[in-house]
Amino acid sequence: MKSRVLRIHPKDNVLVALQDLTQGETITFENKAYTLLEDIPAKHKFFTQDMNLQDEIYMYGVLVGKAQYPIPAGSIMNTQNTKHAVDPYTYRPYHYEWQAPDVSKFEGSTFNGYWRSDGRVGTANYWLFVPTVFCENRNLDVIKEAMHNELGYTVTDKYKRFTHSLIRYYEQGDDISNLDFSADSAAPNERYFKNIDGIKFLNHQGGCGGIRQDAAVLSKLLAAYADHPNVAGVTVLSLGCQNLQVADFRKDLLERNPGFDKPLFVFEQQQSQSEEQLIKEAIKQTFAGLIEANKLERSPAPISKLVLGVKCGGSDGFSGISANPAVGYTSDLLVGLGGTVLLAEFPELCGAEQQLIDRTKDEQAAKKFIRLMSAYSTAAEQAGSGFHMNPSPGNIKDGLITDAIKSNGAAKKGGTSPVEDVLDYTEQAIKPGLNLVCTPGNDVEATTGKAASGATLILFTTGLGTPTGNPICPTIKVSTNKELTRRMGDIIDIDTGPVIDGEKTIEEMGEDILAYCIKAASGEITPKAVLLNQDDFIPWKRGVSL
């Protein structure tokens, strides 16, 4: 019989409800009986012992909160009786021993990717449009509409046809409520360039105004995207007078990759004859670049060439039980095969710091992690906030009561392998294995930062459903539960609900996810976020963002 509750770690003094539990019923778990004093919805927790004021509450085997008043056993954990609390962390000499998973099932496997001249391998082949300042966003929009429509990259045709149908219904005097949403679901137009996976546009609100430091960080971010192995060539649009000068962008690009040799077309509007001339010339030169980029074809590459970013958003009480541990096992498999994994979202590592520090192989890297975490936390507190305010209303409603609970579940995405390196925002991952990347927890800011550090695929876990992707890094959505997959199947790629139902183990699910990643990296499967053109891009201005 399937268990109705779960204790994640022997030290925990709460149990997780795997299904709705009813007030008054008695739950027997590990030969102990617990009478519930109130309803416990699935994903929430109840106390297994009487708690006194300021008693410590443990989950995942670590401190996640403290009792705010006496709480009898069988009561639900909520924001009234539990407040965020974590243990302090520090660097200490620690010998971490890792038991790598059995990777024999994947040894010798390859994916079909796009080899770049420097030896990196892309999982996609995109052309990139980059504005150095927000003033050029409108010109990018004009170019996007022209090129997407004519070259077969638009996904909006069905919505245009739907709107036309509404107009026709209205003009005929029909009731528009009778129009079926699914009446027209035609596939997008066929791509003109078979080996170009997309033309992407990095619209943003930076490059001028604000502070000069923001422009400097944005320059490094845009340079990172231009240099990304999933990018075949770049068209840059500049106004001319902005803080982020083209010369700064070129400098950052060459500092990142002195051997940069991709096509790079730069157009400055204040030096052009007219807006029309600027746009037509940008389209013409880009079209010529696309002709050349289209000549590159996919070819086999070892799994070790994959760089996997792991992210969670719209998390629920099952995230740290199903999807995140399953992705964590995928991470361990990839590390065991010589690949690279990027774990970011520093506000969502709060409470898991000591474990990560103890796993960090290099003392300097460990101290860099401490410095970045401390500075980030201090900045949040000085702004009147703090990591403890990270859980969203949706998180809390679905059982993530404190940031420490959310964070320890989120950290599971990184698996159990040693930490090889710690990277600040936009720094490139150069060491195979697990890397920690400083980004906010904010979904789009985090995925934007992961791609900047070199992720060529992103695994994005969600319990509530999040329509988030990235312009140049295929993003694979992993659901924590079957109900979400059923309701939002148009954005979900992988369902880890079978873990909750006891139908699959974490290890089996992790292997399934890696197999999916290999197919997605080869272009054999197109993730839903890519199909929907969920090209979300938000630069982090290094202000307080949780």
Protein backbone atom coordinates (compact mmCIF):
# COMPACT_ATOMS: atom_id res chain seq x y z
CA MET A 1 0.00 0.00 0.00
CA LYS A 2 1.31 3.47 -0.93
CA SER A 3 2.42 5.56 2.05
CA ARG A 4 0.33 8.65 2.69
CA VAL A 5 3.10 10.57 4.46
CA LEU A 6 6.88 10.95 4.18
CA ARG A 7 9.72 11.74 6.56
CA ILE A 8 12.54 13.07 4.39
CA HIS A 9 15.33 12.67 6.99
CA PRO A 10 15.45 10.68 10.24
CA LYS A 11 16.16 13.89 12.16
CA ASP A 12 12.96 15.62 10.95
CA ASN A 13 10.19 16.37 13.45
CA VAL A 14 7.58 16.96 10.75
CA LEU A 15 5.95 14.61 8.25
CA VAL A 16 4.93 15.59 4.70
CA ALA A 17 1.40 14.75 3.56
CA LEU A 18 1.54 13.01 0.18
CA GLN A 19 -2.25 13.29 -0.13
CA ASP A 20 -5.00 15.18 1.64
CA LEU A 21 -5.35 14.08 5.29
CA THR A 22 -8.41 14.66 7.45
CA GLN A 23 -8.76 16.10 10.94
CA GLY A 24 -9.28 13.38 13.52
CA GLU A 25 -7.80 10.50 11.56
CA THR A 26 -4.83 8.58 12.90
CA ILE A 27 -1.78 8.18 10.68
CA THR A 28 0.59 5.33 11.42
CA PHE A 29 4.13 5.77 10.19
CA GLU A 30 7.19 3.70 11.16
CA ASN A 31 5.21 2.01 13.95
CA LYS A 32 4.11 5.31 15.49
CA ALA A 33 0.57 6.70 15.45
CA TYR A 34 -0.22 10.38 14.96
CA THR A 35 -3.72 11.80 15.47
CA LEU A 36 -4.31 14.83 13.30
CA LEU A 37 -5.76 17.89 15.04
CA GLU A 38 -6.73 19.58 11.76
CA ASP A 39 -6.90 18.91 8.03
CA ILE A 40 -3.47 18.55 6.40
CA PRO A 41 -3.64 19.26 2.64
CA ALA A 42 -1.28 17.37 0.37
CA LYS A 43 2.21 18.94 0.25
CA HIS A 44 1.87 20.41 3.76
CA LYS A 45 3.53 19.18 6.96
CA PHE A 46 2.38 18.29 10.45
CA PHE A 47 4.34 18.08 13.68
CA THR A 48 5.24 14.66 15.08
CA GLN A 49 5.86 15.93 18.62
CA ASP A 50 4.71 18.66 20.94
CA MET A 51 6.66 21.86 20.34
CA ASN A 52 7.42 24.58 22.88
CA LEU A 53 8.18 28.24 22.22
CA GLN A 54 11.40 28.59 20.17
CA ASP A 55 11.82 24.84 19.73
CA GLU A 56 13.80 24.04 16.60
CA ILE A 57 11.99 22.55 13.61
CA TYR A 58 13.88 20.19 11.34
CA MET A 59 13.25 19.11 7.75
CA TYR A 60 15.76 17.62 5.30
CA GLY A 61 17.77 16.97 8.45
CA VAL A 62 18.53 20.67 9.00
CA LEU A 63 17.07 23.58 10.92
CA VAL A 64 14.30 25.24 8.87
CA GLY A 65 12.38 27.22 11.49
CA LYS A 66 11.42 27.78 15.12
CA ALA A 67 8.10 27.39 16.89
CA GLN A 68 6.43 30.72 17.70
CA TYR A 69 4.25 29.31 20.49
CA PRO A 70 3.43 25.88 21.94
CA ILE A 71 2.22 23.56 19.17
CA PRO A 72 0.68 20.14 19.91
CA ALA A 73 1.68 17.12 17.84
CA GLY A 74 -0.63 16.54 14.88
CA SER A 75 -0.91 20.26 14.08
CA ILE A 76 -0.23 21.68 10.65
CA MET A 77 2.90 23.77 10.06
CA ASN A 78 1.96 27.28 8.92
CA THR A 79 3.31 30.83 8.81
CA GLN A 80 1.72 31.65 12.17
CA ASN A 81 3.34 28.91 14.24
CA THR A 82 6.64 28.64 12.34
CA LYS A 83 9.20 31.30 11.48
CA HIS A 84 12.29 30.96 9.31
CA ALA A 85 15.51 30.00 11.11
CA VAL A 86 18.82 28.59 9.92
CA ASP A 87 22.09 27.53 11.45
CA PRO A 88 25.14 29.76 10.90
CA TYR A 89 27.72 28.60 8.36
CA THR A 90 31.48 28.91 8.04
CA TYR A 91 34.42 27.45 6.18
CA ARG A 92 35.93 24.41 7.85
CA PRO A 93 38.38 21.83 6.54
CA TYR A 94 36.17 18.94 5.51
CA HIS A 95 36.88 15.77 3.60
CA TYR A 96 33.84 15.14 1.45
CA GLU A 97 33.54 11.69 -0.09
CA TRP A 98 31.21 11.33 -3.04
CA GLN A 99 29.69 8.09 -4.19
CA ALA A 100 29.16 8.62 -7.91
CA PRO A 101 26.10 6.95 -9.43
CA ASP A 102 26.28 4.06 -11.86
CA VAL A 103 26.62 5.69 -15.29
CA SER A 104 27.12 2.49 -17.29
CA LYS A 105 23.71 2.95 -18.95
CA PHE A 106 24.97 6.17 -20.59
CA GLU A 107 28.68 5.45 -21.14
CA GLY A 108 29.62 6.01 -24.75
CA SER A 109 26.41 7.93 -25.45
CA THR A 110 26.58 11.00 -27.65
CA PHE A 111 24.32 13.85 -28.67
CA ASN A 112 24.19 15.58 -32.04
CA GLY A 113 25.24 19.16 -31.45
CA TYR A 114 26.81 22.13 -33.19
CA TRP A 115 30.58 22.18 -32.79
CA ARG A 116 32.20 25.62 -32.43
CA SER A 117 35.78 26.46 -33.36
CA ASP A 118 36.89 26.60 -29.71
CA GLY A 119 35.72 23.02 -29.03
CA ARG A 120 32.48 23.86 -27.25
CA VAL A 121 29.30 22.25 -28.53
CA GLY A 122 25.89 23.91 -28.79
CA THR A 123 22.57 22.16 -28.41
CA ALA A 124 21.01 24.67 -30.81
CA ASN A 125 22.05 27.07 -33.57
CA TYR A 126 20.58 30.54 -33.08
CA TRP A 127 21.18 33.93 -34.64
CA LEU A 128 21.15 36.69 -32.03
CA PHE A 129 20.03 40.32 -32.22
CA VAL A 130 21.47 42.47 -29.41
CA PRO A 131 20.55 46.09 -28.59
CA THR A 132 23.17 47.97 -26.59
CA VAL A 133 20.42 50.25 -25.26
CA PHE A 134 16.65 50.11 -24.76
CA CYS A 135 16.22 52.87 -27.37
CA GLU A 136 16.75 50.19 -30.04
CA ASN A 137 14.01 47.85 -28.80
CA ARG A 138 11.46 49.20 -31.23
CA ASN A 139 13.80 48.60 -34.19
CA LEU A 140 14.36 45.06 -32.96
CA ASP A 141 10.60 44.53 -32.81
CA VAL A 142 10.23 45.68 -36.42
CA ILE A 143 13.02 43.37 -37.58
CA LYS A 144 11.63 40.49 -35.54
CA GLU A 145 8.19 40.77 -37.11
CA ALA A 146 9.68 40.90 -40.59
CA MET A 147 12.17 38.07 -40.25
CA HIS A 148 10.14 35.75 -38.02
CA ASN A 149 7.13 35.87 -40.31
CA GLU A 150 9.05 35.39 -43.55
CA LEU A 151 11.58 32.79 -42.34
CA GLY A 152 9.13 30.56 -40.46
CA TYR A 153 9.92 31.27 -36.80
CA THR A 154 6.64 32.81 -35.66
CA VAL A 155 4.24 30.97 -33.34
CA THR A 156 1.58 33.68 -33.32
CA ASP A 157 -0.23 32.83 -36.55
CA LYS A 158 -2.88 30.76 -34.74
CA TYR A 159 -3.65 33.68 -32.42
CA LYS A 160 -3.94 36.05 -35.37
CA ARG A 161 -6.34 33.64 -37.04
CA PHE A 162 -8.29 33.34 -33.79
CA THR A 163 -8.61 37.14 -33.60
CA HIS A 164 -9.77 37.24 -37.22
CA SER A 165 -12.41 34.65 -36.33
CA LEU A 166 -13.61 36.83 -33.44
CA ILE A 167 -13.98 39.77 -35.82
CA ARG A 168 -15.92 37.64 -38.28
CA TYR A 169 -18.22 36.29 -35.52
CA TYR A 170 -18.89 39.81 -34.27
CA GLU A 171 -19.59 41.25 -37.71
CA GLN A 172 -22.01 38.40 -38.43
CA GLY A 173 -23.85 39.08 -35.18
CA ASP A 174 -22.85 35.72 -33.67
CA ASP A 175 -22.09 35.19 -29.98
CA ILE A 176 -18.29 35.17 -29.68
CA SER A 177 -18.53 32.99 -26.56
CA ASN A 178 -19.41 30.11 -28.88
CA LEU A 179 -16.07 30.28 -30.69
CA ASP A 180 -13.96 27.24 -29.82
CA PHE A 181 -10.48 28.04 -28.51
CA SER A 182 -9.11 24.91 -30.15
CA ALA A 183 -10.66 25.62 -33.54
CA ASP A 184 -7.33 26.50 -35.12
CA SER A 185 -4.13 24.89 -33.84
CA ALA A 186 -2.23 24.76 -37.10
CA ALA A 187 1.50 24.16 -36.93
CA PRO A 188 3.85 27.14 -37.46
CA ASN A 189 5.27 27.83 -40.89
CA GLU A 190 8.14 25.66 -42.06
CA ARG A 191 11.59 27.12 -41.40
CA TYR A 192 13.43 28.51 -44.42
CA PHE A 193 16.87 27.76 -42.91
CA LYS A 194 16.79 24.13 -41.76
CA ASN A 195 19.91 24.37 -39.57
CA ILE A 196 19.00 27.67 -37.89
CA ASP A 197 16.88 26.89 -34.84
CA GLY A 198 15.75 30.45 -34.33
CA ILE A 199 16.44 34.17 -34.60
CA LYS A 200 16.45 35.62 -31.10
CA PHE A 201 16.09 39.19 -29.85
CA LEU A 202 17.44 40.32 -26.46
CA ASN A 203 15.17 43.29 -25.79
CA HIS A 204 15.99 44.88 -22.43
CA GLN A 205 15.56 48.12 -20.47
CA GLY A 206 19.24 48.92 -19.86
CA GLY A 207 22.27 50.41 -21.53
CA CYS A 208 21.69 54.02 -20.45
CA GLY A 209 20.27 55.93 -17.52
CA GLY A 210 20.58 54.16 -14.18
CA ILE A 211 24.10 53.78 -12.88
CA ARG A 212 27.22 53.11 -14.94
CA GLN A 213 27.78 49.84 -13.07
CA ASP A 214 24.51 48.50 -14.47
CA ALA A 215 25.66 49.28 -18.01
CA ALA A 216 28.98 47.54 -17.30
CA VAL A 217 27.27 44.39 -16.03
CA LEU A 218 24.87 44.44 -18.98
CA SER A 219 27.82 44.63 -21.37
CA LYS A 220 29.35 41.48 -19.85
CA LEU A 221 25.97 39.75 -19.99
CA LEU A 222 25.42 40.57 -23.67
CA ALA A 223 28.99 39.51 -24.45
CA ALA A 224 28.34 36.19 -22.71
CA TYR A 225 25.27 35.60 -24.87
CA ALA A 226 27.12 36.52 -28.07
CA ASP A 227 29.88 34.06 -27.15
CA HIS A 228 27.46 31.27 -26.18
CA PRO A 229 27.96 27.94 -28.00
CA ASN A 230 24.27 27.92 -28.99
CA VAL A 231 24.79 31.16 -30.95
CA ALA A 232 25.98 31.13 -34.58
CA GLY A 233 26.23 34.86 -35.18
CA VAL A 234 25.26 38.26 -33.78
CA THR A 235 23.70 41.48 -35.05
CA VAL A 236 24.17 44.48 -32.73
CA LEU A 237 22.01 47.60 -32.85
CA SER A 238 23.32 50.70 -31.09
CA LEU A 239 21.93 54.23 -30.83
CA GLY A 240 25.37 55.80 -30.38
CA CYS A 241 25.19 58.11 -27.36
CA GLN A 242 24.30 55.55 -24.67
CA ASN A 243 26.35 54.56 -21.62
CA LEU A 244 26.99 51.07 -22.99
CA GLN A 245 29.18 51.83 -25.97
CA VAL A 246 29.86 49.30 -28.71
CA ALA A 247 33.56 49.54 -27.85
CA ASP A 248 32.78 48.37 -24.30
CA PHE A 249 30.80 45.43 -25.64
CA ARG A 250 33.63 44.45 -28.01
CA LYS A 251 36.17 44.70 -25.19
CA ASP A 252 34.12 42.45 -22.89
CA LEU A 253 33.54 40.00 -25.73
CA LEU A 254 37.26 39.64 -26.47
CA GLU A 255 38.14 39.43 -22.78
CA ARG A 256 35.73 36.55 -22.46
CA ASN A 257 36.93 34.84 -25.63
CA PRO A 258 40.07 36.25 -27.30
CA GLY A 259 39.50 33.86 -30.20
CA PHE A 260 35.93 34.98 -30.90
CA ASP A 261 35.35 34.36 -34.62
CA LYS A 262 31.59 34.36 -35.17
CA PRO A 263 29.98 36.81 -37.61
CA LEU A 264 29.35 40.10 -35.76
CA PHE A 265 27.41 42.86 -37.53
CA VAL A 266 27.16 46.26 -35.80
CA PHE A 267 24.76 49.05 -36.77
CA GLU A 268 24.70 52.47 -35.09
CA GLN A 269 21.57 54.49 -35.71
CA GLN A 270 23.06 57.94 -35.14
CA GLN A 271 25.54 57.21 -37.95
CA SER A 272 22.89 55.89 -40.35
CA GLN A 273 21.19 57.72 -43.22
CA SER A 274 17.70 56.88 -41.95
CA GLU A 275 15.82 54.40 -39.81
CA GLU A 276 14.67 52.57 -42.94
CA GLN A 277 18.24 52.29 -44.21
CA LEU A 278 19.41 50.99 -40.83
CA ILE A 279 16.71 48.31 -40.61
CA LYS A 280 17.01 47.15 -44.22
CA GLU A 281 20.82 46.95 -44.00
CA ALA A 282 20.61 45.00 -40.73
CA ILE A 283 18.14 42.55 -42.29
CA LYS A 284 20.24 42.18 -45.46
CA GLN A 285 23.54 41.51 -43.71
CA THR A 286 21.89 39.18 -41.21
CA PHE A 287 20.29 37.23 -44.05
CA ALA A 288 23.73 36.78 -45.61
CA GLY A 289 25.04 35.61 -42.24
CA LEU A 290 22.18 33.14 -41.91
CA ILE A 291 23.07 31.62 -45.28
CA GLU A 292 26.56 30.82 -43.97
CA ALA A 293 25.41 29.72 -40.50
CA ASN A 294 22.90 27.36 -42.07
CA LYS A 295 25.79 25.38 -43.57
CA LEU A 296 26.75 24.05 -40.12
CA GLU A 297 25.08 20.75 -39.34
CA ARG A 298 24.69 18.71 -36.17
CA SER A 299 27.32 16.04 -35.52
CA PRO A 300 28.04 13.63 -32.64
CA ALA A 301 29.56 14.98 -29.43
CA PRO A 302 30.28 13.25 -26.09
CA ILE A 303 27.86 13.79 -23.21
CA SER A 304 30.70 15.53 -21.36
CA LYS A 305 30.15 18.54 -23.66
CA LEU A 306 26.73 19.24 -22.12
CA VAL A 307 26.39 22.16 -19.68
CA LEU A 308 23.19 21.73 -17.69
CA GLY A 309 21.58 24.57 -15.76
CA VAL A 310 19.14 23.48 -13.04
CA LYS A 311 16.36 25.84 -11.92
CA CYS A 312 13.07 25.73 -10.02
CA GLY A 313 10.16 28.16 -10.15
CA GLY A 314 6.54 28.12 -9.10
CA SER A 315 7.67 25.60 -6.48
CA ASP A 316 5.35 23.57 -4.28
CA GLY A 317 5.58 21.23 -1.33
CA PHE A 318 6.52 18.34 -3.62
CA SER A 319 9.40 20.15 -5.36
CA GLY A 320 12.00 18.98 -2.87
CA ILE A 321 10.59 15.44 -2.87
CA SER A 322 10.05 14.56 -6.54
CA ALA A 323 11.28 16.88 -9.30
CA ASN A 324 14.29 18.47 -7.59
CA PRO A 325 15.85 15.22 -6.26
CA ALA A 326 15.19 13.56 -9.63
CA VAL A 327 16.94 16.42 -11.42
CA GLY A 328 19.66 16.16 -8.78
CA TYR A 329 20.23 12.54 -9.75
CA THR A 330 20.38 13.62 -13.40
CA SER A 331 23.01 16.19 -12.33
CA ASP A 332 25.05 13.49 -10.62
CA LEU A 333 24.83 11.25 -13.69
CA LEU A 334 26.05 14.09 -15.92
CA VAL A 335 28.91 14.94 -13.56
CA GLY A 336 29.84 11.25 -13.49
CA LEU A 337 30.00 11.37 -17.29
CA GLY A 338 32.31 14.40 -17.27
CA GLY A 339 29.69 17.07 -17.93
CA THR A 340 28.99 20.39 -16.21
CA VAL A 341 26.08 21.40 -13.95
CA LEU A 342 25.16 24.96 -12.89
CA LEU A 343 23.22 25.46 -9.63
CA ALA A 344 22.25 29.08 -9.02
CA GLU A 345 19.54 31.08 -7.16
CA PHE A 346 21.58 32.11 -4.10
CA PRO A 347 18.52 33.28 -2.07
CA GLU A 348 17.26 29.70 -2.50
CA LEU A 349 20.39 28.18 -0.99
CA CYS A 350 19.67 29.82 2.37
CA GLY A 351 19.97 27.13 5.03
CA ALA A 352 21.84 24.74 2.74
CA GLU A 353 25.08 26.76 2.82
CA GLN A 354 27.07 24.55 5.17
CA GLN A 355 26.40 21.42 3.13
CA LEU A 356 27.55 23.17 -0.03
CA ILE A 357 30.61 24.67 1.65
CA ASP A 358 31.62 21.24 2.96
CA ARG A 359 31.26 19.85 -0.58
CA THR A 360 33.42 22.57 -2.16
CA LYS A 361 36.80 21.15 -3.13
CA ASP A 362 38.78 24.39 -3.22
CA GLU A 363 39.11 26.61 -0.12
CA GLN A 364 39.19 29.82 -2.19
CA ALA A 365 35.99 28.82 -3.98
CA ALA A 366 34.31 28.00 -0.67
CA LYS A 367 35.24 31.38 0.76
CA LYS A 368 34.06 33.08 -2.44
CA PHE A 369 30.68 31.41 -1.94
CA ILE A 370 30.54 32.65 1.66
CA ARG A 371 31.48 36.17 0.56
CA LEU A 372 28.85 36.29 -2.19
CA MET A 373 26.12 34.83 0.01
CA SER A 374 26.91 37.16 2.91
CA ALA A 375 27.02 40.26 0.72
CA TYR A 376 23.75 39.31 -0.98
CA SER A 377 21.99 38.63 2.32
CA THR A 378 23.28 41.86 3.86
CA ALA A 379 22.13 43.91 0.87
CA ALA A 380 18.65 42.41 1.15
CA GLU A 381 18.46 43.20 4.87
CA GLN A 382 19.69 46.77 4.35
CA ALA A 383 16.82 47.25 1.90
CA GLY A 384 14.36 46.17 4.57
CA SER A 385 13.94 42.67 3.19
CA GLY A 386 15.86 39.40 3.56
CA PHE A 387 16.10 35.85 2.32
CA HIS A 388 13.38 34.92 4.82
CA MET A 389 10.92 36.87 2.62
CA ASN A 390 11.72 34.82 -0.48
CA PRO A 391 8.77 32.36 -0.52
CA SER A 392 5.92 33.71 -2.64
CA PRO A 393 2.25 33.48 -1.66
CA GLY A 394 1.92 30.55 -4.06
CA ASN A 395 4.88 28.77 -2.46
CA ILE A 396 3.40 29.19 1.01
CA LYS A 397 -0.07 28.11 -0.05
CA ASP A 398 1.42 24.87 -1.36
CA GLY A 399 3.47 24.03 1.71
CA LEU A 400 6.76 25.96 1.52
CA ILE A 401 6.37 27.77 4.82
CA THR A 402 9.92 29.13 5.34
CA ASP A 403 12.75 30.05 3.00
CA ALA A 404 14.88 27.34 4.60
CA ILE A 405 12.32 24.70 3.59
CA LYS A 406 12.15 26.09 0.07
CA SER A 407 15.94 26.41 -0.17
CA ASN A 408 16.85 22.96 1.09
CA GLY A 409 14.40 21.49 -1.40
CA ALA A 410 15.76 23.73 -4.16
CA ALA A 411 19.36 22.70 -3.43
CA LYS A 412 18.45 19.10 -4.22
CA LYS A 413 18.63 19.99 -7.95
CA GLY A 414 22.41 20.12 -7.64
CA GLY A 415 22.66 16.48 -6.62
CA THR A 416 25.39 15.29 -4.28
CA SER A 417 28.61 15.73 -6.26
CA PRO A 418 31.50 17.93 -5.05
CA VAL A 419 31.36 21.64 -5.87
CA GLU A 420 34.13 22.36 -8.37
CA ASP A 421 33.80 26.14 -8.65
CA VAL A 422 31.82 29.20 -7.56
CA LEU A 423 30.94 31.84 -10.15
CA ASP A 424 29.71 35.40 -9.83
CA TYR A 425 27.02 36.68 -12.18
CA THR A 426 28.07 36.34 -15.89
CA GLU A 427 31.27 34.44 -15.05
CA GLN A 428 31.82 31.51 -17.40
CA ALA A 429 31.93 27.92 -16.17
CA ILE A 430 35.27 26.43 -17.21
CA LYS A 431 35.53 23.50 -14.80
CA PRO A 432 33.53 20.32 -15.45
CA GLY A 433 31.39 19.19 -12.53
CA LEU A 434 29.04 21.11 -10.25
CA ASN A 435 29.38 24.92 -10.28
CA LEU A 436 27.50 27.38 -8.06
CA VAL A 437 26.39 30.54 -9.89
CA CYS A 438 25.32 33.74 -8.11
CA THR A 439 21.92 34.82 -9.43
CA PRO A 440 18.62 35.89 -7.88
CA GLY A 441 15.90 33.33 -7.32
CA ASN A 442 13.66 35.28 -9.71
CA ASP A 443 12.88 32.82 -12.48
CA VAL A 444 13.87 34.89 -15.50
CA GLU A 445 16.84 36.64 -13.90
CA ALA A 446 18.15 33.23 -12.84
CA THR A 447 17.73 31.53 -16.22
CA THR A 448 19.24 34.61 -17.88
CA GLY A 449 22.28 34.26 -15.60
CA LYS A 450 22.64 30.50 -16.13
CA ALA A 451 22.81 30.94 -19.90
CA ALA A 452 25.44 33.66 -19.39
CA SER A 453 27.59 31.20 -17.46
CA GLY A 454 27.35 28.73 -20.34
CA ALA A 455 24.32 26.49 -19.78
CA THR A 456 23.40 24.81 -23.07
CA LEU A 457 20.26 23.20 -21.60
CA ILE A 458 18.17 24.22 -18.59
CA LEU A 459 16.08 21.84 -16.50
CA PHE A 460 13.32 23.93 -14.91
CA THR A 461 11.25 22.21 -12.21
CA THR A 462 7.85 23.55 -11.20
CA GLY A 463 4.99 22.50 -8.96
CA LEU A 464 2.57 25.30 -9.79
CA GLY A 465 3.42 25.87 -13.45
CA THR A 466 5.69 28.59 -14.85
CA PRO A 467 5.73 29.71 -18.52
CA THR A 468 9.43 30.60 -18.56
CA GLY A 469 12.12 29.94 -21.14
CA ASN A 470 15.32 31.49 -22.46
CA PRO A 471 16.16 32.95 -25.88
CA ILE A 472 19.26 30.82 -26.54
CA CYS A 473 19.16 27.96 -24.03
CA PRO A 474 16.45 25.30 -24.56
CA THR A 475 14.50 25.09 -21.31
CA ILE A 476 12.89 21.79 -20.28
CA LYS A 477 9.97 21.99 -17.84
CA VAL A 478 9.76 19.28 -15.19
CA SER A 479 6.52 18.94 -13.21
CA THR A 480 6.50 17.81 -9.58
CA ASN A 481 3.03 16.24 -9.77
CA LYS A 482 0.62 14.59 -12.18
CA GLU A 483 -2.18 17.10 -11.65
CA LEU A 484 -0.04 19.98 -12.91
CA THR A 485 1.00 17.95 -15.94
CA ARG A 486 -2.64 17.23 -16.69
CA ARG A 487 -3.72 20.88 -16.41
CA MET A 488 -0.74 22.56 -18.05
CA GLY A 489 0.51 19.91 -20.41
CA ASP A 490 1.13 22.53 -23.07
CA ILE A 491 4.14 23.84 -21.10
CA ILE A 492 5.31 20.67 -19.26
CA ASP A 493 7.84 18.28 -20.83
CA ILE A 494 8.48 15.76 -18.06
CA ASP A 495 6.26 14.57 -15.20
CA THR A 496 7.89 13.37 -11.97
CA GLY A 497 4.50 12.71 -10.36
CA PRO A 498 5.19 8.95 -10.51
CA VAL A 499 7.78 9.51 -7.75
CA ILE A 500 5.07 10.82 -5.40
CA ASP A 501 2.80 7.92 -6.29
CA GLY A 502 5.54 5.37 -5.68
CA GLU A 503 5.53 4.22 -9.32
CA LYS A 504 9.14 5.24 -9.97
CA THR A 505 12.23 5.81 -7.87
CA ILE A 506 14.25 9.03 -7.87
CA GLU A 507 17.02 7.16 -9.67
CA GLU A 508 14.73 5.84 -12.41
CA MET A 509 13.24 9.28 -12.92
CA GLY A 510 16.69 10.87 -13.04
CA GLU A 511 17.76 8.48 -15.77
CA ASP A 512 14.61 9.25 -17.73
CA ILE A 513 15.35 12.97 -17.49
CA LEU A 514 18.92 12.56 -18.73
CA ALA A 515 17.68 10.47 -21.67
CA TYR A 516 15.25 13.29 -22.51
CA CYS A 517 18.07 15.86 -22.25
CA ILE A 518 20.18 13.91 -24.73
CA LYS A 519 17.31 13.87 -27.23
CA ALA A 520 16.61 17.58 -26.69
CA ALA A 521 20.32 18.41 -27.10
CA SER A 522 20.27 16.51 -30.39
CA GLY A 523 17.22 18.32 -31.73
CA GLU A 524 15.19 15.10 -31.73
CA ILE A 525 12.74 16.60 -29.19
CA THR A 526 11.79 20.26 -29.00
CA PRO A 527 10.92 21.42 -25.45
CA LYS A 528 7.57 23.16 -25.04
CA ALA A 529 9.20 26.46 -24.01
CA VAL A 530 11.05 26.50 -27.34
CA LEU A 531 7.92 25.65 -29.32
CA LEU A 532 6.11 28.51 -27.59
CA ASN A 533 8.96 31.00 -28.10
CA GLN A 534 9.17 31.63 -24.35
CA ASP A 535 12.24 33.81 -24.84
CA ASP A 536 12.43 35.49 -21.44
CA PHE A 537 15.45 37.71 -20.79
CA ILE A 538 15.88 40.00 -17.77
CA PRO A 539 19.35 41.30 -16.86
CA TRP A 540 20.07 41.54 -13.14
CA LYS A 541 21.00 45.07 -12.15
CA ARG A 542 22.59 43.71 -8.95
CA GLY A 543 20.02 45.43 -6.81
CA VAL A 544 18.04 43.44 -4.26
CA SER A 545 16.12 40.78 -6.13
CA LEU A 546 14.99 37.60 -4.41
